[in-house]
């Protein structure tokens, strides 16, 4: 799976509240650096975020990303 596919899956899973699927996109030691939650292990962060979020609608805007970094 390339970076673009991972990014699309990430957005889809996050928007649908599939937190376990989001977490599965990270390796076992994956970390998240969030301005609201600080630095946390990915599984901790996404479970906490899910508990704090009632609804979300996300958009994948490829034109804002450097296309060479997605291959």
C-alpha atoms as a PDB file:
ATOM      1  CA  UNK A   1       0.000   0.000   0.000  1.00  0.00           C
ATOM      2  CA  UNK A   2       1.429   3.398  -0.926  1.00  0.00           C
ATOM      3  CA  UNK A   3       1.228   6.617   1.114  1.00  0.00           C
ATOM      4  CA  UNK A   4      -1.714   7.962  -0.857  1.00  0.00           C
ATOM      5  CA  UNK A   5      -3.774   4.818  -0.175  1.00  0.00           C
ATOM      6  CA  UNK A   6      -2.852   4.938   3.517  1.00  0.00           C
ATOM      7  CA  UNK A   7      -3.901   8.597   3.704  1.00  0.00           C
ATOM      8  CA  UNK A   8      -7.250   7.843   2.062  1.00  0.00           C
ATOM      9  CA  UNK A   9      -7.890   4.892   4.384  1.00  0.00           C
ATOM     10  CA  UNK A  10      -6.916   7.026   7.377  1.00  0.00           C
ATOM     11  CA  UNK A  11      -9.454   9.741   6.473  1.00  0.00           C
ATOM     12  CA  UNK A  12     -12.203   7.202   5.725  1.00  0.00           C
ATOM     13  CA  UNK A  13     -11.677   5.243   8.949  1.00  0.00           C
ATOM     14  CA  UNK A  14     -11.401   8.375  11.069  1.00  0.00           C
ATOM     15  CA  UNK A  15     -14.532   9.933   9.596  1.00  0.00           C
ATOM     16  CA  UNK A  16     -16.492   6.689  10.108  1.00  0.00           C
ATOM     17  CA  UNK A  17     -15.301   6.296  13.687  1.00  0.00           C
ATOM     18  CA  UNK A  18     -13.407   3.065  12.896  1.00  0.00           C
ATOM     19  CA  UNK A  19     -10.774   3.794  15.513  1.00  0.00           C
ATOM     20  CA  UNK A  20      -9.289   0.302  15.585  1.00  0.00           C
ATOM     21  CA  UNK A  21      -8.763   0.538  11.805  1.00  0.00           C
ATOM     22  CA  UNK A  22      -7.108   3.957  12.198  1.00  0.00           C
ATOM     23  CA  UNK A  23      -4.802   2.553  14.875  1.00  0.00           C
ATOM     24  CA  UNK A  24      -3.937  -0.414  12.630  1.00  0.00           C
ATOM     25  CA  UNK A  25      -2.387   2.025  10.117  1.00  0.00           C
ATOM     26  CA  UNK A  26       0.326   2.840  12.687  1.00  0.00           C
ATOM     27  CA  UNK A  27       3.115   0.553  13.776  1.00  0.00           C
ATOM     28  CA  UNK A  28       3.162  -0.747  17.354  1.00  0.00           C
ATOM     29  CA  UNK A  29       5.264   2.204  18.553  1.00  0.00           C
ATOM     30  CA  UNK A  30       3.430   4.861  16.508  1.00  0.00           C
ATOM     31  CA  UNK A  31       3.167   8.260  18.170  1.00  0.00           C
ATOM     32  CA  UNK A  32       0.956  11.296  17.583  1.00  0.00           C
ATOM     33  CA  UNK A  33       1.997  14.870  18.390  1.00  0.00           C
ATOM     34  CA  UNK A  34      -1.223  16.805  18.889  1.00  0.00           C
ATOM     35  CA  UNK A  35      -1.525  20.494  19.814  1.00  0.00           C
ATOM     36  CA  UNK A  36      -4.535  19.603  21.997  1.00  0.00           C
ATOM     37  CA  UNK A  37      -3.560  16.265  23.525  1.00  0.00           C
ATOM     38  CA  UNK A  38       0.236  16.432  23.496  1.00  0.00           C
ATOM     39  CA  UNK A  39       2.494  13.559  22.503  1.00  0.00           C
ATOM     40  CA  UNK A  40       0.804  10.196  22.948  1.00  0.00           C
ATOM     41  CA  UNK A  41       0.950   6.665  21.614  1.00  0.00           C
ATOM     42  CA  UNK A  42      -1.318   6.415  18.564  1.00  0.00           C
ATOM     43  CA  UNK A  43      -3.715   3.949  20.176  1.00  0.00           C
ATOM     44  CA  UNK A  44      -4.115   6.138  23.295  1.00  0.00           C
ATOM     45  CA  UNK A  45      -4.557   9.305  21.251  1.00  0.00           C
ATOM     46  CA  UNK A  46      -7.189   7.958  18.858  1.00  0.00           C
ATOM     47  CA  UNK A  47      -9.240   6.310  21.603  1.00  0.00           C
ATOM     48  CA  UNK A  48      -9.228   9.556  23.581  1.00  0.00           C
ATOM     49  CA  UNK A  49     -10.052  11.595  20.472  1.00  0.00           C
ATOM     50  CA  UNK A  50     -12.918   9.215  19.656  1.00  0.00           C
ATOM     51  CA  UNK A  51     -14.331   9.585  23.172  1.00  0.00           C
ATOM     52  CA  UNK A  52     -14.164  13.389  22.880  1.00  0.00           C
ATOM     53  CA  UNK A  53     -15.652  13.635  19.359  1.00  0.00           C
ATOM     54  CA  UNK A  54     -19.349  13.238  18.641  1.00  0.00           C
ATOM     55  CA  UNK A  55     -19.277  13.809  14.875  1.00  0.00           C
ATOM     56  CA  UNK A  56     -16.716  14.599  12.197  1.00  0.00           C
ATOM     57  CA  UNK A  57     -16.593  15.161   8.464  1.00  0.00           C
ATOM     58  CA  UNK A  58     -13.134  15.126   6.910  1.00  0.00           C
ATOM     59  CA  UNK A  59     -11.869  15.869   3.426  1.00  0.00           C
ATOM     60  CA  UNK A  60      -8.745  14.610   1.686  1.00  0.00           C
ATOM     61  CA  UNK A  61      -7.256  17.511  -0.264  1.00  0.00           C
ATOM     62  CA  UNK A  62      -4.437  16.054  -2.301  1.00  0.00           C
ATOM     63  CA  UNK A  63      -3.574  19.372  -3.936  1.00  0.00           C
ATOM     64  CA  UNK A  64      -2.306  20.655  -0.580  1.00  0.00           C
ATOM     65  CA  UNK A  65       0.146  17.788  -0.222  1.00  0.00           C
ATOM     66  CA  UNK A  66       3.463  17.486  -1.983  1.00  0.00           C
ATOM     67  CA  UNK A  67       2.651  14.801  -4.555  1.00  0.00           C
ATOM     68  CA  UNK A  68       6.210  13.455  -4.518  1.00  0.00           C
ATOM     69  CA  UNK A  69       5.764  12.534  -0.841  1.00  0.00           C
ATOM     70  CA  UNK A  70       2.724  10.385  -1.603  1.00  0.00           C
ATOM     71  CA  UNK A  71       4.416   7.829  -3.841  1.00  0.00           C
END
